[in-house]
Amino acid sequence: MNAPVQRSALSSVHRAARGCRNAVRRSVRRLAGHDPTTVLVRLKGDIDAHNAPRVAHRVLKALRGETTCIEIDVSRVPRVSSSGSKALFAAVRAARETGAQLVILDASPQVRFALHHAGLDNVLTYRDTKQR
């Protein structure tokens, strides 16, 4: 009788882990018709302790090659935790070392507040591309 309960609990754990893994979906691409040294990184979902390392890795990966500007679209990111801010801070530091610029696109007030609270306002550029 305990086995079905254990399987059910294990299934819940697997579903929760899958949810964390899929919390931030992202894409990285060179912008067609734009400067080939600009890379767009699109993030989706909360940026928190569970996925901050993957977010940082994705942004750092975009710094390869001749990249001089990384545009990070956060229009589909509702919240950034302090861990998420730290991941972006690491990306900012790496970008500055290579001379690349990081531009945050379409940040919600909540995301801007989190990045401001982390002290990233003076090293990031914000740009709104969509009308709210």
C-alpha atoms as a PDB file:
ATOM      1  CA  MET A   1       0.000   0.000   0.000  1.00  0.00           C
ATOM      2  CA  ASN A   2       2.946   2.349   0.557  1.00  0.00           C
ATOM      3  CA  ALA A   3       4.360   1.822  -2.926  1.00  0.00           C
ATOM      4  CA  PRO A   4       1.617   3.774  -4.781  1.00  0.00           C
ATOM      5  CA  VAL A   5       2.012   6.679  -2.356  1.00  0.00           C
ATOM      6  CA  GLN A   6       5.776   6.698  -2.867  1.00  0.00           C
ATOM      7  CA  ARG A   7       5.388   6.606  -6.644  1.00  0.00           C
ATOM      8  CA  SER A   8       2.895   9.439  -6.493  1.00  0.00           C
ATOM      9  CA  ALA A   9       5.225  11.509  -4.311  1.00  0.00           C
ATOM     10  CA  LEU A  10       8.150  10.730  -6.606  1.00  0.00           C
ATOM     11  CA  SER A  11       6.096  11.755  -9.629  1.00  0.00           C
ATOM     12  CA  SER A  12       5.337  15.071  -7.929  1.00  0.00           C
ATOM     13  CA  VAL A  13       9.038  15.646  -7.311  1.00  0.00           C
ATOM     14  CA  HIS A  14       9.841  14.898 -10.955  1.00  0.00           C
ATOM     15  CA  ARG A  15       7.097  17.257 -12.148  1.00  0.00           C
ATOM     16  CA  ALA A  16       8.397  20.005  -9.842  1.00  0.00           C
ATOM     17  CA  ALA A  17      11.968  19.513 -11.059  1.00  0.00           C
ATOM     18  CA  ARG A  18      10.788  19.623 -14.672  1.00  0.00           C
ATOM     19  CA  GLY A  19       8.972  22.886 -13.863  1.00  0.00           C
ATOM     20  CA  CYS A  20      12.159  24.445 -12.493  1.00  0.00           C
ATOM     21  CA  ARG A  21      14.132  23.292 -15.494  1.00  0.00           C
ATOM     22  CA  ASN A  22      11.593  24.876 -17.839  1.00  0.00           C
ATOM     23  CA  ALA A  23      11.053  28.047 -15.803  1.00  0.00           C
ATOM     24  CA  VAL A  24      13.315  30.130 -18.006  1.00  0.00           C
ATOM     25  CA  ARG A  25      13.132  29.484 -21.694  1.00  0.00           C
ATOM     26  CA  ARG A  26      15.595  31.395 -23.731  1.00  0.00           C
ATOM     27  CA  SER A  27      16.868  31.822 -27.183  1.00  0.00           C
ATOM     28  CA  VAL A  28      20.058  33.360 -28.424  1.00  0.00           C
ATOM     29  CA  ARG A  29      20.401  34.567 -31.953  1.00  0.00           C
ATOM     30  CA  ARG A  30      22.273  36.981 -34.067  1.00  0.00           C
ATOM     31  CA  LEU A  31      19.894  39.611 -35.337  1.00  0.00           C
ATOM     32  CA  ALA A  32      19.240  39.280 -39.052  1.00  0.00           C
ATOM     33  CA  GLY A  33      19.549  42.580 -40.851  1.00  0.00           C
ATOM     34  CA  HIS A  34      21.304  44.151 -37.878  1.00  0.00           C
ATOM     35  CA  ASP A  35      24.863  44.590 -36.794  1.00  0.00           C
ATOM     36  CA  PRO A  36      26.335  41.048 -36.787  1.00  0.00           C
ATOM     37  CA  THR A  37      28.095  41.833 -33.514  1.00  0.00           C
ATOM     38  CA  THR A  38      24.771  42.253 -31.672  1.00  0.00           C
ATOM     39  CA  VAL A  39      23.206  39.198 -30.045  1.00  0.00           C
ATOM     40  CA  LEU A  40      19.633  38.971 -28.751  1.00  0.00           C
ATOM     41  CA  VAL A  41      18.973  36.784 -25.707  1.00  0.00           C
ATOM     42  CA  ARG A  42      15.283  36.236 -24.930  1.00  0.00           C
ATOM     43  CA  LEU A  43      14.381  35.125 -21.422  1.00  0.00           C
ATOM     44  CA  LYS A  44      11.018  33.843 -20.214  1.00  0.00           C
ATOM     45  CA  GLY A  45       9.843  33.063 -16.701  1.00  0.00           C
ATOM     46  CA  ASP A  46      11.119  33.972 -13.261  1.00  0.00           C
ATOM     47  CA  ILE A  47      14.870  34.251 -12.840  1.00  0.00           C
ATOM     48  CA  ASP A  48      15.624  32.731  -9.463  1.00  0.00           C
ATOM     49  CA  ALA A  49      18.056  30.487  -7.598  1.00  0.00           C
ATOM     50  CA  HIS A  50      16.938  27.404  -9.556  1.00  0.00           C
ATOM     51  CA  ASN A  51      17.765  28.741 -12.993  1.00  0.00           C
ATOM     52  CA  ALA A  52      20.167  31.661 -12.394  1.00  0.00           C
ATOM     53  CA  PRO A  53      23.233  29.558 -13.331  1.00  0.00           C
ATOM     54  CA  ARG A  54      21.629  28.624 -16.665  1.00  0.00           C
ATOM     55  CA  VAL A  55      20.684  32.229 -17.355  1.00  0.00           C
ATOM     56  CA  ALA A  56      24.237  33.376 -16.615  1.00  0.00           C
ATOM     57  CA  HIS A  57      25.649  30.594 -18.806  1.00  0.00           C
ATOM     58  CA  ARG A  58      23.366  31.561 -21.690  1.00  0.00           C
ATOM     59  CA  VAL A  59      24.318  35.226 -21.509  1.00  0.00           C
ATOM     60  CA  LEU A  60      28.011  34.407 -21.150  1.00  0.00           C
ATOM     61  CA  LYS A  61      27.764  32.070 -24.132  1.00  0.00           C
ATOM     62  CA  ALA A  62      26.454  34.995 -26.178  1.00  0.00           C
ATOM     63  CA  LEU A  63      29.739  36.836 -25.518  1.00  0.00           C
ATOM     64  CA  ARG A  64      31.670  34.464 -27.768  1.00  0.00           C
ATOM     65  CA  GLY A  65      33.105  35.671 -31.023  1.00  0.00           C
ATOM     66  CA  GLU A  66      32.866  39.250 -32.162  1.00  0.00           C
ATOM     67  CA  THR A  67      29.960  40.229 -29.910  1.00  0.00           C
ATOM     68  CA  THR A  68      30.010  43.876 -28.875  1.00  0.00           C
ATOM     69  CA  CYS A  69      26.407  44.170 -27.669  1.00  0.00           C
ATOM     70  CA  ILE A  70      24.054  41.722 -25.965  1.00  0.00           C
ATOM     71  CA  GLU A  71      20.401  42.678 -25.885  1.00  0.00           C
ATOM     72  CA  ILE A  72      18.536  40.777 -23.181  1.00  0.00           C
ATOM     73  CA  ASP A  73      14.783  40.731 -23.768  1.00  0.00           C
ATOM     74  CA  VAL A  74      13.108  40.391 -20.366  1.00  0.00           C
ATOM     75  CA  SER A  75       9.598  41.314 -21.511  1.00  0.00           C
ATOM     76  CA  ARG A  76       8.402  37.840 -20.498  1.00  0.00           C
ATOM     77  CA  VAL A  77      10.211  37.777 -17.144  1.00  0.00           C
ATOM     78  CA  PRO A  78       7.791  38.652 -14.333  1.00  0.00           C
ATOM     79  CA  ARG A  79      10.309  38.547 -11.461  1.00  0.00           C
ATOM     80  CA  VAL A  80      14.026  38.464 -10.760  1.00  0.00           C
ATOM     81  CA  SER A  81      15.164  37.210  -7.359  1.00  0.00           C
ATOM     82  CA  SER A  82      18.395  38.291  -5.669  1.00  0.00           C
ATOM     83  CA  SER A  83      20.019  35.115  -7.056  1.00  0.00           C
ATOM     84  CA  GLY A  84      18.826  36.056 -10.520  1.00  0.00           C
ATOM     85  CA  SER A  85      20.291  39.534 -10.096  1.00  0.00           C
ATOM     86  CA  LYS A  86      23.625  37.974  -9.127  1.00  0.00           C
ATOM     87  CA  ALA A  87      23.586  35.921 -12.325  1.00  0.00           C
ATOM     88  CA  LEU A  88      23.051  39.064 -14.374  1.00  0.00           C
ATOM     89  CA  PHE A  89      25.757  40.820 -12.360  1.00  0.00           C
ATOM     90  CA  ALA A  90      28.217  38.078 -13.366  1.00  0.00           C
ATOM     91  CA  ALA A  91      27.197  38.574 -16.996  1.00  0.00           C
ATOM     92  CA  VAL A  92      27.701  42.347 -16.696  1.00  0.00           C
ATOM     93  CA  ARG A  93      31.170  41.841 -15.241  1.00  0.00           C
ATOM     94  CA  ALA A  94      32.148  39.448 -18.052  1.00  0.00           C
ATOM     95  CA  ALA A  95      30.720  41.770 -20.698  1.00  0.00           C
ATOM     96  CA  ARG A  96      32.681  44.711 -19.342  1.00  0.00           C
ATOM     97  CA  GLU A  97      35.878  42.637 -19.418  1.00  0.00           C
ATOM     98  CA  THR A  98      35.357  41.983 -23.128  1.00  0.00           C
ATOM     99  CA  GLY A  99      34.204  45.525 -23.867  1.00  0.00           C
ATOM    100  CA  ALA A 100      30.663  44.430 -24.754  1.00  0.00           C
ATOM    101  CA  GLN A 101      27.568  46.335 -23.724  1.00  0.00           C
ATOM    102  CA  LEU A 102      24.493  44.765 -22.100  1.00  0.00           C
ATOM    103  CA  VAL A 103      21.102  46.264 -22.938  1.00  0.00           C
ATOM    104  CA  ILE A 104      17.981  45.192 -21.048  1.00  0.00           C
ATOM    105  CA  LEU A 105      14.917  45.294 -23.296  1.00  0.00           C
ATOM    106  CA  ASP A 106      11.339  45.844 -22.139  1.00  0.00           C
ATOM    107  CA  ALA A 107      11.865  45.363 -18.396  1.00  0.00           C
ATOM    108  CA  SER A 108       8.751  45.493 -16.235  1.00  0.00           C
ATOM    109  CA  PRO A 109       8.761  47.772 -13.182  1.00  0.00           C
ATOM    110  CA  GLN A 110       9.292  44.692 -10.974  1.00  0.00           C
ATOM    111  CA  VAL A 111      12.349  43.584 -12.948  1.00  0.00           C
ATOM    112  CA  ARG A 112      13.770  47.108 -12.997  1.00  0.00           C
ATOM    113  CA  PHE A 113      13.295  47.362  -9.242  1.00  0.00           C
ATOM    114  CA  ALA A 114      15.122  44.057  -8.666  1.00  0.00           C
ATOM    115  CA  LEU A 115      18.033  45.119 -10.864  1.00  0.00           C
ATOM    116  CA  HIS A 116      18.110  48.558  -9.224  1.00  0.00           C
ATOM    117  CA  HIS A 117      18.101  46.932  -5.782  1.00  0.00           C
ATOM    118  CA  ALA A 118      21.091  44.813  -6.881  1.00  0.00           C
ATOM    119  CA  GLY A 119      22.968  47.967  -7.904  1.00  0.00           C
ATOM    120  CA  LEU A 120      22.968  47.216 -11.619  1.00  0.00           C
ATOM    121  CA  ASP A 121      21.269  50.426 -12.756  1.00  0.00           C
ATOM    122  CA  ASN A 122      24.504  52.290 -13.327  1.00  0.00           C
ATOM    123  CA  VAL A 123      26.061  49.532 -15.479  1.00  0.00           C
ATOM    124  CA  LEU A 124      23.031  48.488 -17.538  1.00  0.00           C
ATOM    125  CA  THR A 125      21.241  50.281 -20.325  1.00  0.00           C
ATOM    126  CA  TYR A 126      17.458  49.924 -20.484  1.00  0.00           C
ATOM    127  CA  ARG A 127      15.465  50.245 -23.662  1.00  0.00           C
ATOM    128  CA  ASP A 128      11.739  49.864 -24.254  1.00  0.00           C
ATOM    129  CA  THR A 129      10.886  48.531 -27.681  1.00  0.00           C
ATOM    130  CA  LYS A 130       7.188  47.834 -27.071  1.00  0.00           C
ATOM    131  CA  GLN A 131       4.401  50.185 -26.172  1.00  0.00           C
ATOM    132  CA  ARG A 132       2.785  49.323 -22.873  1.00  0.00           C
END
